[in-house]
């Protein structure tokens, strides 16, 4: 029996474990045991605080062709869930979105516009609505429809699906990857430790991207608005609250709520949507996104064992997880084909 351990229970770890397990079951190859090993599980992962809006974000030098492939896979995956009876449990919602830019030299980046539904550029008249009472005017905008899959619901759904199919979950902190690979009984180890890879692998290409958000009660907000300026704000409705953001402060490891950032978030979002002044504030949250010069998705042999790395997804953990999980499986199958794994 081949034994597989996925280290990390964020959305990429759980998606990778589920992808491997479901592949072998669907192919009637039941000689595999898959375990998720992590110090923290939902609702205590970094992703649990995010809004879960589909959309490539904070991916630094990762090739656009790969981003496109991975994010398209996730969009297709979310579409299947949304069309099924699992949509409510998984927190998957279809959502109208508007992305806005103040840069007069470029339009809103849209290399993924054929993935989403109904993407169209905003007309001057439509932009004028968003520019009312603004000093710095938006110069372009893109309207489209996509999905949210808030991790606070998606992660429990995926974990439940994994366990129901015979997957194992073990709470354990891995502090030495080398010894774990060498001494553990696992044939395949998939490293999905996110920002933890900075210490676990001494990966100096990893860095924190601090994100702070506020959540409010505003059941009348049915569309997302995203300002793509360097210091832009965003408004993203979830099923039970609305997420106001946000910050993306590179190499900032402060996990405490900043009153300065809170003021920036609330004031900026109220400029985008003045009606927010009458909403109920619920709570604030800070998380450290796993930034990297580019996503690391590759495999290496450690003796007779296979080590696969899948981390550094920036602000796109949800957006990329299904596509990256497919590549993890492909690396595993290629190694198995070429050796006696």
C-alpha atoms as a PDB file:
ATOM      1  CA  UNK A   1       0.000   0.000   0.000  1.00  0.00           C
ATOM      2  CA  UNK A   2       1.294   3.446  -0.917  1.00  0.00           C
ATOM      3  CA  UNK A   3       1.130   5.871   2.003  1.00  0.00           C
ATOM      4  CA  UNK A   4       0.763   9.597   1.321  1.00  0.00           C
ATOM      5  CA  UNK A   5       1.082  12.414   3.856  1.00  0.00           C
ATOM      6  CA  UNK A   6      -0.020  15.950   3.064  1.00  0.00           C
ATOM      7  CA  UNK A   7       1.497  18.413   5.526  1.00  0.00           C
ATOM      8  CA  UNK A   8      -0.737  21.433   6.001  1.00  0.00           C
ATOM      9  CA  UNK A   9      -4.518  21.699   6.344  1.00  0.00           C
ATOM     10  CA  UNK A  10      -5.107  24.952   4.514  1.00  0.00           C
ATOM     11  CA  UNK A  11      -7.174  24.934   1.355  1.00  0.00           C
ATOM     12  CA  UNK A  12      -4.243  23.759  -0.812  1.00  0.00           C
ATOM     13  CA  UNK A  13      -3.347  20.946   1.563  1.00  0.00           C
ATOM     14  CA  UNK A  14      -6.899  19.639   1.842  1.00  0.00           C
ATOM     15  CA  UNK A  15      -7.513  20.004  -1.907  1.00  0.00           C
ATOM     16  CA  UNK A  16      -4.310  18.078  -2.713  1.00  0.00           C
ATOM     17  CA  UNK A  17      -5.134  15.265  -0.291  1.00  0.00           C
ATOM     18  CA  UNK A  18      -8.682  14.979  -1.616  1.00  0.00           C
ATOM     19  CA  UNK A  19      -7.535  14.992  -5.232  1.00  0.00           C
ATOM     20  CA  UNK A  20      -5.116  12.097  -4.651  1.00  0.00           C
ATOM     21  CA  UNK A  21      -7.613  10.046  -2.660  1.00  0.00           C
ATOM     22  CA  UNK A  22     -10.509  10.537  -5.066  1.00  0.00           C
ATOM     23  CA  UNK A  23      -8.354   9.695  -8.081  1.00  0.00           C
ATOM     24  CA  UNK A  24      -7.360   6.318  -6.693  1.00  0.00           C
ATOM     25  CA  UNK A  25     -10.900   5.518  -5.629  1.00  0.00           C
ATOM     26  CA  UNK A  26     -12.393   6.495  -8.975  1.00  0.00           C
ATOM     27  CA  UNK A  27      -9.814   4.344 -10.749  1.00  0.00           C
ATOM     28  CA  UNK A  28     -10.626   1.457  -8.389  1.00  0.00           C
ATOM     29  CA  UNK A  29      -7.056   1.519  -7.166  1.00  0.00           C
ATOM     30  CA  UNK A  30      -7.700   1.311  -3.462  1.00  0.00           C
ATOM     31  CA  UNK A  31      -4.129   0.507  -2.413  1.00  0.00           C
ATOM     32  CA  UNK A  32      -3.457   4.016  -1.119  1.00  0.00           C
ATOM     33  CA  UNK A  33      -3.702   5.630   2.295  1.00  0.00           C
ATOM     34  CA  UNK A  34      -3.810   9.435   2.445  1.00  0.00           C
ATOM     35  CA  UNK A  35      -3.332  11.463   5.633  1.00  0.00           C
ATOM     36  CA  UNK A  36      -3.468  15.191   6.320  1.00  0.00           C
ATOM     37  CA  UNK A  37      -1.000  16.197   9.030  1.00  0.00           C
ATOM     38  CA  UNK A  38      -1.135  19.692  10.488  1.00  0.00           C
ATOM     39  CA  UNK A  39      -0.774  21.656  13.686  1.00  0.00           C
ATOM     40  CA  UNK A  40      -3.894  23.699  12.861  1.00  0.00           C
ATOM     41  CA  UNK A  41      -7.129  22.859  11.094  1.00  0.00           C
ATOM     42  CA  UNK A  42     -10.168  24.888  10.094  1.00  0.00           C
ATOM     43  CA  UNK A  43     -11.338  27.288  11.524  1.00  0.00           C
ATOM     44  CA  UNK A  44      -7.792  28.232  12.593  1.00  0.00           C
ATOM     45  CA  UNK A  45      -5.987  28.390   9.238  1.00  0.00           C
ATOM     46  CA  UNK A  46      -4.956  31.582   7.465  1.00  0.00           C
ATOM     47  CA  UNK A  47      -7.551  31.056   4.768  1.00  0.00           C
ATOM     48  CA  UNK A  48     -10.452  30.848   7.203  1.00  0.00           C
ATOM     49  CA  UNK A  49     -10.501  34.617   7.589  1.00  0.00           C
ATOM     50  CA  UNK A  50     -10.551  35.404   3.881  1.00  0.00           C
ATOM     51  CA  UNK A  51     -13.591  36.219   1.762  1.00  0.00           C
ATOM     52  CA  UNK A  52     -12.865  33.422  -0.721  1.00  0.00           C
ATOM     53  CA  UNK A  53     -13.557  35.463  -3.860  1.00  0.00           C
ATOM     54  CA  UNK A  54     -12.248  33.776  -7.001  1.00  0.00           C
ATOM     55  CA  UNK A  55      -9.571  35.899  -8.643  1.00  0.00           C
ATOM     56  CA  UNK A  56      -5.774  35.752  -9.088  1.00  0.00           C
ATOM     57  CA  UNK A  57      -4.174  38.104  -6.531  1.00  0.00           C
ATOM     58  CA  UNK A  58      -0.668  38.797  -5.176  1.00  0.00           C
ATOM     59  CA  UNK A  59       1.144  36.187  -7.256  1.00  0.00           C
ATOM     60  CA  UNK A  60       4.354  38.122  -7.945  1.00  0.00           C
ATOM     61  CA  UNK A  61       6.458  36.391 -10.616  1.00  0.00           C
ATOM     62  CA  UNK A  62       4.352  33.287 -11.263  1.00  0.00           C
ATOM     63  CA  UNK A  63       3.837  32.674 -14.990  1.00  0.00           C
ATOM     64  CA  UNK A  64       0.476  33.888 -16.276  1.00  0.00           C
ATOM     65  CA  UNK A  65      -0.041  30.683 -18.244  1.00  0.00           C
ATOM     66  CA  UNK A  66       0.151  28.660 -15.028  1.00  0.00           C
ATOM     67  CA  UNK A  67      -2.067  31.096 -13.131  1.00  0.00           C
ATOM     68  CA  UNK A  68      -4.613  30.854 -15.938  1.00  0.00           C
ATOM     69  CA  UNK A  69      -4.555  27.042 -15.933  1.00  0.00           C
ATOM     70  CA  UNK A  70      -4.813  26.670 -12.162  1.00  0.00           C
ATOM     71  CA  UNK A  71      -7.478  29.324 -11.678  1.00  0.00           C
ATOM     72  CA  UNK A  72      -9.614  28.017 -14.550  1.00  0.00           C
ATOM     73  CA  UNK A  73      -9.607  24.568 -12.946  1.00  0.00           C
ATOM     74  CA  UNK A  74     -10.877  26.063  -9.701  1.00  0.00           C
ATOM     75  CA  UNK A  75     -13.587  28.050 -11.469  1.00  0.00           C
ATOM     76  CA  UNK A  76     -14.802  24.850 -13.133  1.00  0.00           C
ATOM     77  CA  UNK A  77     -14.675  23.043  -9.787  1.00  0.00           C
ATOM     78  CA  UNK A  78     -16.760  25.754  -8.117  1.00  0.00           C
ATOM     79  CA  UNK A  79     -19.249  25.675 -10.972  1.00  0.00           C
ATOM     80  CA  UNK A  80     -19.815  21.948 -10.389  1.00  0.00           C
ATOM     81  CA  UNK A  81     -20.389  22.523  -6.673  1.00  0.00           C
ATOM     82  CA  UNK A  82     -22.716  25.479  -7.306  1.00  0.00           C
ATOM     83  CA  UNK A  83     -24.837  23.329  -9.627  1.00  0.00           C
ATOM     84  CA  UNK A  84     -25.036  20.564  -7.015  1.00  0.00           C
ATOM     85  CA  UNK A  85     -26.869  20.177  -3.724  1.00  0.00           C
ATOM     86  CA  UNK A  86     -23.577  20.862  -1.897  1.00  0.00           C
ATOM     87  CA  UNK A  87     -23.422  24.569  -2.773  1.00  0.00           C
ATOM     88  CA  UNK A  88     -24.882  25.785   0.519  1.00  0.00           C
ATOM     89  CA  UNK A  89     -22.749  23.529   2.691  1.00  0.00           C
ATOM     90  CA  UNK A  90     -19.598  24.474   0.778  1.00  0.00           C
ATOM     91  CA  UNK A  91     -20.342  28.197   0.924  1.00  0.00           C
ATOM     92  CA  UNK A  92     -20.221  28.571  -2.864  1.00  0.00           C
ATOM     93  CA  UNK A  93     -22.125  31.591  -4.212  1.00  0.00           C
ATOM     94  CA  UNK A  94     -22.448  33.152  -7.650  1.00  0.00           C
ATOM     95  CA  UNK A  95     -21.521  36.821  -7.336  1.00  0.00           C
ATOM     96  CA  UNK A  96     -21.531  39.922  -9.581  1.00  0.00           C
ATOM     97  CA  UNK A  97     -18.219  41.825  -9.363  1.00  0.00           C
ATOM     98  CA  UNK A  98     -16.775  45.136 -10.491  1.00  0.00           C
ATOM     99  CA  UNK A  99     -13.014  45.735 -10.649  1.00  0.00           C
ATOM    100  CA  UNK A 100     -11.887  49.357 -10.927  1.00  0.00           C
ATOM    101  CA  UNK A 101      -8.564  51.012 -11.721  1.00  0.00           C
ATOM    102  CA  UNK A 102      -7.275  54.571 -11.327  1.00  0.00           C
ATOM    103  CA  UNK A 103      -4.251  54.039 -13.582  1.00  0.00           C
ATOM    104  CA  UNK A 104      -4.798  56.090 -16.765  1.00  0.00           C
ATOM    105  CA  UNK A 105      -2.164  54.116 -18.670  1.00  0.00           C
ATOM    106  CA  UNK A 106      -3.618  50.622 -18.308  1.00  0.00           C
ATOM    107  CA  UNK A 107      -7.014  48.995 -18.175  1.00  0.00           C
ATOM    108  CA  UNK A 108      -8.091  46.507 -15.531  1.00  0.00           C
ATOM    109  CA  UNK A 109      -5.999  43.346 -15.945  1.00  0.00           C
ATOM    110  CA  UNK A 110      -8.202  40.739 -17.499  1.00  0.00           C
ATOM    111  CA  UNK A 111      -6.113  37.860 -18.913  1.00  0.00           C
ATOM    112  CA  UNK A 112      -8.676  35.617 -17.195  1.00  0.00           C
ATOM    113  CA  UNK A 113     -11.788  37.346 -18.580  1.00  0.00           C
ATOM    114  CA  UNK A 114     -12.863  34.322 -20.638  1.00  0.00           C
ATOM    115  CA  UNK A 115     -12.943  32.196 -17.474  1.00  0.00           C
ATOM    116  CA  UNK A 116     -15.564  34.268 -15.671  1.00  0.00           C
ATOM    117  CA  UNK A 117     -19.096  34.959 -16.885  1.00  0.00           C
ATOM    118  CA  UNK A 118     -20.185  37.995 -18.906  1.00  0.00           C
ATOM    119  CA  UNK A 119     -17.010  40.093 -18.587  1.00  0.00           C
ATOM    120  CA  UNK A 120     -17.497  43.554 -20.116  1.00  0.00           C
ATOM    121  CA  UNK A 121     -15.634  46.840 -19.791  1.00  0.00           C
ATOM    122  CA  UNK A 122     -17.482  49.609 -17.985  1.00  0.00           C
ATOM    123  CA  UNK A 123     -18.736  52.494 -20.120  1.00  0.00           C
ATOM    124  CA  UNK A 124     -17.857  56.117 -19.280  1.00  0.00           C
ATOM    125  CA  UNK A 125     -21.344  56.589 -17.874  1.00  0.00           C
ATOM    126  CA  UNK A 126     -20.951  53.566 -15.615  1.00  0.00           C
ATOM    127  CA  UNK A 127     -17.547  54.771 -14.414  1.00  0.00           C
ATOM    128  CA  UNK A 128     -19.082  58.155 -13.627  1.00  0.00           C
ATOM    129  CA  UNK A 129     -21.322  56.502 -11.032  1.00  0.00           C
ATOM    130  CA  UNK A 130     -18.302  55.182  -9.132  1.00  0.00           C
ATOM    131  CA  UNK A 131     -16.401  58.452  -9.581  1.00  0.00           C
ATOM    132  CA  UNK A 132     -19.013  60.604  -7.900  1.00  0.00           C
ATOM    133  CA  UNK A 133     -17.422  62.708  -5.144  1.00  0.00           C
ATOM    134  CA  UNK A 134     -13.983  61.158  -5.755  1.00  0.00           C
ATOM    135  CA  UNK A 135     -10.801  63.204  -6.084  1.00  0.00           C
ATOM    136  CA  UNK A 136      -8.840  60.420  -7.789  1.00  0.00           C
ATOM    137  CA  UNK A 137     -11.008  59.138 -10.611  1.00  0.00           C
ATOM    138  CA  UNK A 138     -11.355  55.579 -11.857  1.00  0.00           C
ATOM    139  CA  UNK A 139     -10.239  55.394 -15.475  1.00  0.00           C
ATOM    140  CA  UNK A 140     -11.337  51.849 -16.324  1.00  0.00           C
ATOM    141  CA  UNK A 141     -13.446  49.045 -14.932  1.00  0.00           C
ATOM    142  CA  UNK A 142     -14.524  45.484 -15.620  1.00  0.00           C
ATOM    143  CA  UNK A 143     -17.884  43.960 -14.741  1.00  0.00           C
ATOM    144  CA  UNK A 144     -18.259  40.174 -14.523  1.00  0.00           C
ATOM    145  CA  UNK A 145     -19.779  37.318 -12.522  1.00  0.00           C
ATOM    146  CA  UNK A 146     -17.771  34.698 -10.632  1.00  0.00           C
ATOM    147  CA  UNK A 147     -17.854  32.710  -7.391  1.00  0.00           C
ATOM    148  CA  UNK A 148     -17.096  33.136  -3.744  1.00  0.00           C
ATOM    149  CA  UNK A 149     -16.247  30.012  -1.776  1.00  0.00           C
ATOM    150  CA  UNK A 150     -15.610  31.266   1.729  1.00  0.00           C
ATOM    151  CA  UNK A 151     -13.019  28.969   3.336  1.00  0.00           C
ATOM    152  CA  UNK A 152     -14.845  28.949   6.679  1.00  0.00           C
ATOM    153  CA  UNK A 153     -17.394  26.744   4.903  1.00  0.00           C
ATOM    154  CA  UNK A 154     -15.369  25.331   2.005  1.00  0.00           C
ATOM    155  CA  UNK A 155     -12.627  23.852   4.210  1.00  0.00           C
ATOM    156  CA  UNK A 156     -15.015  21.899   6.481  1.00  0.00           C
ATOM    157  CA  UNK A 157     -16.865  20.694   3.381  1.00  0.00           C
ATOM    158  CA  UNK A 158     -13.691  19.444   1.667  1.00  0.00           C
ATOM    159  CA  UNK A 159     -12.358  17.911   4.897  1.00  0.00           C
ATOM    160  CA  UNK A 160     -15.646  16.098   5.494  1.00  0.00           C
ATOM    161  CA  UNK A 161     -15.585  14.808   1.923  1.00  0.00           C
ATOM    162  CA  UNK A 162     -11.993  13.629   2.442  1.00  0.00           C
ATOM    163  CA  UNK A 163     -12.730  11.798   5.715  1.00  0.00           C
ATOM    164  CA  UNK A 164     -15.924  10.263   4.350  1.00  0.00           C
ATOM    165  CA  UNK A 165     -13.865   8.628   1.620  1.00  0.00           C
ATOM    166  CA  UNK A 166     -11.437   7.135   4.131  1.00  0.00           C
ATOM    167  CA  UNK A 167      -8.874   9.910   4.440  1.00  0.00           C
ATOM    168  CA  UNK A 168      -7.070  10.322   7.750  1.00  0.00           C
ATOM    169  CA  UNK A 169      -6.531  13.516   9.737  1.00  0.00           C
ATOM    170  CA  UNK A 170      -3.745  13.855  12.306  1.00  0.00           C
ATOM    171  CA  UNK A 171      -2.947  16.884  14.445  1.00  0.00           C
ATOM    172  CA  UNK A 172       0.822  17.143  14.631  1.00  0.00           C
ATOM    173  CA  UNK A 173       3.359  19.942  14.235  1.00  0.00           C
ATOM    174  CA  UNK A 174       6.141  19.062  11.822  1.00  0.00           C
ATOM    175  CA  UNK A 175       9.241  21.052  12.751  1.00  0.00           C
ATOM    176  CA  UNK A 176      11.899  19.140  10.811  1.00  0.00           C
ATOM    177  CA  UNK A 177      10.900  18.172   7.293  1.00  0.00           C
ATOM    178  CA  UNK A 178      14.117  16.294   6.573  1.00  0.00           C
ATOM    179  CA  UNK A 179      13.701  13.913   9.492  1.00  0.00           C
ATOM    180  CA  UNK A 180       9.967  13.543   8.804  1.00  0.00           C
ATOM    181  CA  UNK A 181      10.650  12.473   5.234  1.00  0.00           C
ATOM    182  CA  UNK A 182      13.458  10.164   6.331  1.00  0.00           C
ATOM    183  CA  UNK A 183      11.862   8.523   9.364  1.00  0.00           C
ATOM    184  CA  UNK A 184       8.101   8.533   8.708  1.00  0.00           C
ATOM    185  CA  UNK A 185       6.347   5.533   7.119  1.00  0.00           C
ATOM    186  CA  UNK A 186       5.080   7.627   4.202  1.00  0.00           C
ATOM    187  CA  UNK A 187       6.156   6.983   0.616  1.00  0.00           C
ATOM    188  CA  UNK A 188       4.950  10.369  -0.640  1.00  0.00           C
ATOM    189  CA  UNK A 189       5.020  13.633   1.285  1.00  0.00           C
ATOM    190  CA  UNK A 190       3.237  16.717  -0.067  1.00  0.00           C
ATOM    191  CA  UNK A 191       4.437  19.947   1.514  1.00  0.00           C
ATOM    192  CA  UNK A 192       1.557  22.437   1.694  1.00  0.00           C
ATOM    193  CA  UNK A 193       2.787  24.396   4.717  1.00  0.00           C
ATOM    194  CA  UNK A 194       2.405  27.844   3.150  1.00  0.00           C
ATOM    195  CA  UNK A 195       4.300  30.504   5.051  1.00  0.00           C
ATOM    196  CA  UNK A 196       5.611  27.751   7.341  1.00  0.00           C
ATOM    197  CA  UNK A 197       7.935  26.682   4.520  1.00  0.00           C
ATOM    198  CA  UNK A 198      10.014  29.766   5.274  1.00  0.00           C
ATOM    199  CA  UNK A 199      11.279  28.068   8.445  1.00  0.00           C
ATOM    200  CA  UNK A 200      10.692  24.444   7.490  1.00  0.00           C
ATOM    201  CA  UNK A 201      12.803  24.685   4.344  1.00  0.00           C
ATOM    202  CA  UNK A 202      14.783  27.859   5.056  1.00  0.00           C
ATOM    203  CA  UNK A 203      13.119  29.257   1.949  1.00  0.00           C
ATOM    204  CA  UNK A 204      14.213  32.890   1.798  1.00  0.00           C
ATOM    205  CA  UNK A 205      11.914  33.451  -1.179  1.00  0.00           C
ATOM    206  CA  UNK A 206       8.946  33.208   1.198  1.00  0.00           C
ATOM    207  CA  UNK A 207       7.579  36.261   2.986  1.00  0.00           C
ATOM    208  CA  UNK A 208       4.408  37.299   4.763  1.00  0.00           C
ATOM    209  CA  UNK A 209       1.849  39.535   3.068  1.00  0.00           C
ATOM    210  CA  UNK A 210      -0.160  40.924   5.952  1.00  0.00           C
ATOM    211  CA  UNK A 211      -3.880  41.178   5.348  1.00  0.00           C
ATOM    212  CA  UNK A 212      -6.321  42.951   7.648  1.00  0.00           C
ATOM    213  CA  UNK A 213     -10.078  43.011   7.044  1.00  0.00           C
ATOM    214  CA  UNK A 214     -13.241  44.080   8.816  1.00  0.00           C
ATOM    215  CA  UNK A 215     -16.514  42.188   8.719  1.00  0.00           C
ATOM    216  CA  UNK A 216     -19.874  43.939   8.866  1.00  0.00           C
ATOM    217  CA  UNK A 217     -23.548  43.043   8.762  1.00  0.00           C
ATOM    218  CA  UNK A 218     -25.011  44.304   5.489  1.00  0.00           C
ATOM    219  CA  UNK A 219     -27.472  41.827   4.008  1.00  0.00           C
ATOM    220  CA  UNK A 220     -28.381  44.281   1.244  1.00  0.00           C
ATOM    221  CA  UNK A 221     -24.934  44.098  -0.408  1.00  0.00           C
ATOM    222  CA  UNK A 222     -25.124  41.619  -3.283  1.00  0.00           C
ATOM    223  CA  UNK A 223     -22.084  42.504  -5.403  1.00  0.00           C
ATOM    224  CA  UNK A 224     -18.339  42.817  -4.911  1.00  0.00           C
ATOM    225  CA  UNK A 225     -16.490  46.061  -5.650  1.00  0.00           C
ATOM    226  CA  UNK A 226     -12.699  45.975  -5.909  1.00  0.00           C
ATOM    227  CA  UNK A 227     -10.387  48.967  -6.302  1.00  0.00           C
ATOM    228  CA  UNK A 228      -7.207  47.675  -7.952  1.00  0.00           C
ATOM    229  CA  UNK A 229      -5.088  50.677  -6.960  1.00  0.00           C
ATOM    230  CA  UNK A 230      -1.969  49.893  -4.908  1.00  0.00           C
ATOM    231  CA  UNK A 231      -3.763  51.123  -1.787  1.00  0.00           C
ATOM    232  CA  UNK A 232      -7.246  50.202  -2.975  1.00  0.00           C
ATOM    233  CA  UNK A 233     -10.147  48.863  -0.933  1.00  0.00           C
ATOM    234  CA  UNK A 234     -12.618  46.074  -1.597  1.00  0.00           C
ATOM    235  CA  UNK A 235     -16.113  45.029  -0.559  1.00  0.00           C
ATOM    236  CA  UNK A 236     -16.961  41.324  -0.828  1.00  0.00           C
ATOM    237  CA  UNK A 237     -20.256  39.876   0.442  1.00  0.00           C
ATOM    238  CA  UNK A 238     -20.248  36.417   2.016  1.00  0.00           C
ATOM    239  CA  UNK A 239     -23.276  34.386   3.075  1.00  0.00           C
ATOM    240  CA  UNK A 240     -23.581  35.828   6.580  1.00  0.00           C
ATOM    241  CA  UNK A 241     -21.424  38.967   6.522  1.00  0.00           C
ATOM    242  CA  UNK A 242     -19.609  41.373   4.211  1.00  0.00           C
ATOM    243  CA  UNK A 243     -15.815  41.554   4.115  1.00  0.00           C
ATOM    244  CA  UNK A 244     -14.227  45.007   3.906  1.00  0.00           C
ATOM    245  CA  UNK A 245     -10.585  45.214   2.957  1.00  0.00           C
ATOM    246  CA  UNK A 246      -7.902  45.423   3.032  1.00  0.00           C
ATOM    247  CA  UNK A 247      -4.165  45.524   3.315  1.00  0.00           C
ATOM    248  CA  UNK A 248      -1.369  43.677   1.514  1.00  0.00           C
ATOM    249  CA  UNK A 249       1.728  44.672   3.466  1.00  0.00           C
ATOM    250  CA  UNK A 250       4.752  42.673   2.353  1.00  0.00           C
ATOM    251  CA  UNK A 251       7.174  41.342   4.983  1.00  0.00           C
ATOM    252  CA  UNK A 252       4.937  42.598   7.798  1.00  0.00           C
ATOM    253  CA  UNK A 253       4.507  39.879  10.433  1.00  0.00           C
ATOM    254  CA  UNK A 254       2.240  41.790  12.812  1.00  0.00           C
ATOM    255  CA  UNK A 255      -0.860  39.702  13.550  1.00  0.00           C
ATOM    256  CA  UNK A 256      -2.535  42.295  15.770  1.00  0.00           C
ATOM    257  CA  UNK A 257      -5.366  44.497  14.525  1.00  0.00           C
ATOM    258  CA  UNK A 258      -4.109  47.975  13.600  1.00  0.00           C
ATOM    259  CA  UNK A 259      -6.456  50.879  14.340  1.00  0.00           C
ATOM    260  CA  UNK A 260      -4.809  52.845  11.527  1.00  0.00           C
ATOM    261  CA  UNK A 261      -5.498  50.071   9.023  1.00  0.00           C
ATOM    262  CA  UNK A 262      -9.037  49.664  10.337  1.00  0.00           C
ATOM    263  CA  UNK A 263      -9.729  53.347   9.720  1.00  0.00           C
ATOM    264  CA  UNK A 264      -8.241  53.098   6.201  1.00  0.00           C
ATOM    265  CA  UNK A 265     -10.420  50.070   5.432  1.00  0.00           C
ATOM    266  CA  UNK A 266     -13.699  51.451   6.752  1.00  0.00           C
ATOM    267  CA  UNK A 267     -13.279  54.969   5.360  1.00  0.00           C
ATOM    268  CA  UNK A 268     -12.142  53.688   1.972  1.00  0.00           C
ATOM    269  CA  UNK A 269     -15.007  51.221   1.644  1.00  0.00           C
ATOM    270  CA  UNK A 270     -17.516  53.888   2.636  1.00  0.00           C
ATOM    271  CA  UNK A 271     -16.233  56.052  -0.187  1.00  0.00           C
ATOM    272  CA  UNK A 272     -16.881  53.156  -2.562  1.00  0.00           C
ATOM    273  CA  UNK A 273     -20.319  52.500  -1.054  1.00  0.00           C
ATOM    274  CA  UNK A 274     -21.608  55.367   1.143  1.00  0.00           C
ATOM    275  CA  UNK A 275     -24.480  53.298   2.516  1.00  0.00           C
ATOM    276  CA  UNK A 276     -22.009  51.271   4.579  1.00  0.00           C
ATOM    277  CA  UNK A 277     -22.028  54.047   7.176  1.00  0.00           C
ATOM    278  CA  UNK A 278     -25.267  52.579   8.552  1.00  0.00           C
ATOM    279  CA  UNK A 279     -24.027  48.983   8.961  1.00  0.00           C
ATOM    280  CA  UNK A 280     -23.151  46.988  12.076  1.00  0.00           C
ATOM    281  CA  UNK A 281     -19.449  46.273  12.633  1.00  0.00           C
ATOM    282  CA  UNK A 282     -18.904  42.631  13.605  1.00  0.00           C
ATOM    283  CA  UNK A 283     -15.160  42.090  14.034  1.00  0.00           C
ATOM    284  CA  UNK A 284     -11.687  42.638  12.583  1.00  0.00           C
ATOM    285  CA  UNK A 285      -9.232  39.964  11.499  1.00  0.00           C
ATOM    286  CA  UNK A 286      -5.559  39.752  10.522  1.00  0.00           C
ATOM    287  CA  UNK A 287      -3.859  36.965   8.576  1.00  0.00           C
ATOM    288  CA  UNK A 288      -0.443  36.459   6.990  1.00  0.00           C
ATOM    289  CA  UNK A 289      -0.678  35.377   3.371  1.00  0.00           C
ATOM    290  CA  UNK A 290       2.109  33.091   2.069  1.00  0.00           C
ATOM    291  CA  UNK A 291       3.891  35.398  -0.358  1.00  0.00           C
ATOM    292  CA  UNK A 292       6.673  34.111  -2.596  1.00  0.00           C
ATOM    293  CA  UNK A 293       8.601  35.267  -5.662  1.00  0.00           C
ATOM    294  CA  UNK A 294       6.567  32.596  -7.462  1.00  0.00           C
ATOM    295  CA  UNK A 295       4.417  29.607  -6.549  1.00  0.00           C
ATOM    296  CA  UNK A 296       6.545  26.547  -5.864  1.00  0.00           C
ATOM    297  CA  UNK A 297       4.986  23.416  -7.346  1.00  0.00           C
ATOM    298  CA  UNK A 298       7.579  20.744  -8.060  1.00  0.00           C
ATOM    299  CA  UNK A 299       8.800  17.359  -6.883  1.00  0.00           C
ATOM    300  CA  UNK A 300      12.111  15.901  -5.771  1.00  0.00           C
ATOM    301  CA  UNK A 301      13.299  12.426  -4.861  1.00  0.00           C
ATOM    302  CA  UNK A 302      14.567  11.680  -1.394  1.00  0.00           C
ATOM    303  CA  UNK A 303      15.935   8.171  -1.769  1.00  0.00           C
ATOM    304  CA  UNK A 304      12.940   5.942  -2.501  1.00  0.00           C
ATOM    305  CA  UNK A 305      10.546   8.619  -1.323  1.00  0.00           C
ATOM    306  CA  UNK A 306       8.872  11.434  -3.238  1.00  0.00           C
ATOM    307  CA  UNK A 307       8.593  14.954  -1.843  1.00  0.00           C
ATOM    308  CA  UNK A 308       6.192  17.338  -3.612  1.00  0.00           C
ATOM    309  CA  UNK A 309       6.143  21.051  -2.814  1.00  0.00           C
ATOM    310  CA  UNK A 310       2.943  23.072  -3.262  1.00  0.00           C
ATOM    311  CA  UNK A 311       3.140  26.441  -1.534  1.00  0.00           C
ATOM    312  CA  UNK A 312       3.567  30.189  -1.982  1.00  0.00           C
ATOM    313  CA  UNK A 313       0.088  30.992  -3.330  1.00  0.00           C
ATOM    314  CA  UNK A 314       0.033  34.599  -2.097  1.00  0.00           C
ATOM    315  CA  UNK A 315      -3.506  35.945  -1.925  1.00  0.00           C
ATOM    316  CA  UNK A 316      -4.838  33.251  -4.271  1.00  0.00           C
ATOM    317  CA  UNK A 317      -4.981  30.121  -2.145  1.00  0.00           C
ATOM    318  CA  UNK A 318      -8.631  29.448  -2.893  1.00  0.00           C
ATOM    319  CA  UNK A 319      -8.359  30.531  -6.529  1.00  0.00           C
ATOM    320  CA  UNK A 320      -5.500  28.152  -7.325  1.00  0.00           C
ATOM    321  CA  UNK A 321      -6.096  25.172  -5.031  1.00  0.00           C
ATOM    322  CA  UNK A 322      -7.948  22.852  -7.411  1.00  0.00           C
ATOM    323  CA  UNK A 323      -5.580  23.464 -10.321  1.00  0.00           C
ATOM    324  CA  UNK A 324      -2.518  23.073  -8.122  1.00  0.00           C
ATOM    325  CA  UNK A 325      -3.978  19.869  -6.647  1.00  0.00           C
ATOM    326  CA  UNK A 326      -4.305  18.496 -10.189  1.00  0.00           C
ATOM    327  CA  UNK A 327      -0.626  19.211 -10.796  1.00  0.00           C
ATOM    328  CA  UNK A 328       0.317  17.570  -7.487  1.00  0.00           C
ATOM    329  CA  UNK A 329      -1.495  14.434  -8.632  1.00  0.00           C
ATOM    330  CA  UNK A 330       0.232  14.607 -12.033  1.00  0.00           C
ATOM    331  CA  UNK A 331       3.665  14.804 -10.371  1.00  0.00           C
ATOM    332  CA  UNK A 332       2.788  11.802  -8.209  1.00  0.00           C
ATOM    333  CA  UNK A 333       1.569   9.721 -11.152  1.00  0.00           C
ATOM    334  CA  UNK A 334       4.624  10.616 -13.240  1.00  0.00           C
ATOM    335  CA  UNK A 335       6.956   9.552 -10.438  1.00  0.00           C
ATOM    336  CA  UNK A 336       5.013   6.355  -9.903  1.00  0.00           C
ATOM    337  CA  UNK A 337       5.169   5.575 -13.602  1.00  0.00           C
ATOM    338  CA  UNK A 338       8.926   6.114 -13.776  1.00  0.00           C
ATOM    339  CA  UNK A 339       9.898   4.214 -10.633  1.00  0.00           C
ATOM    340  CA  UNK A 340       8.837   1.628  -8.102  1.00  0.00           C
ATOM    341  CA  UNK A 341       7.240   4.128  -5.765  1.00  0.00           C
END
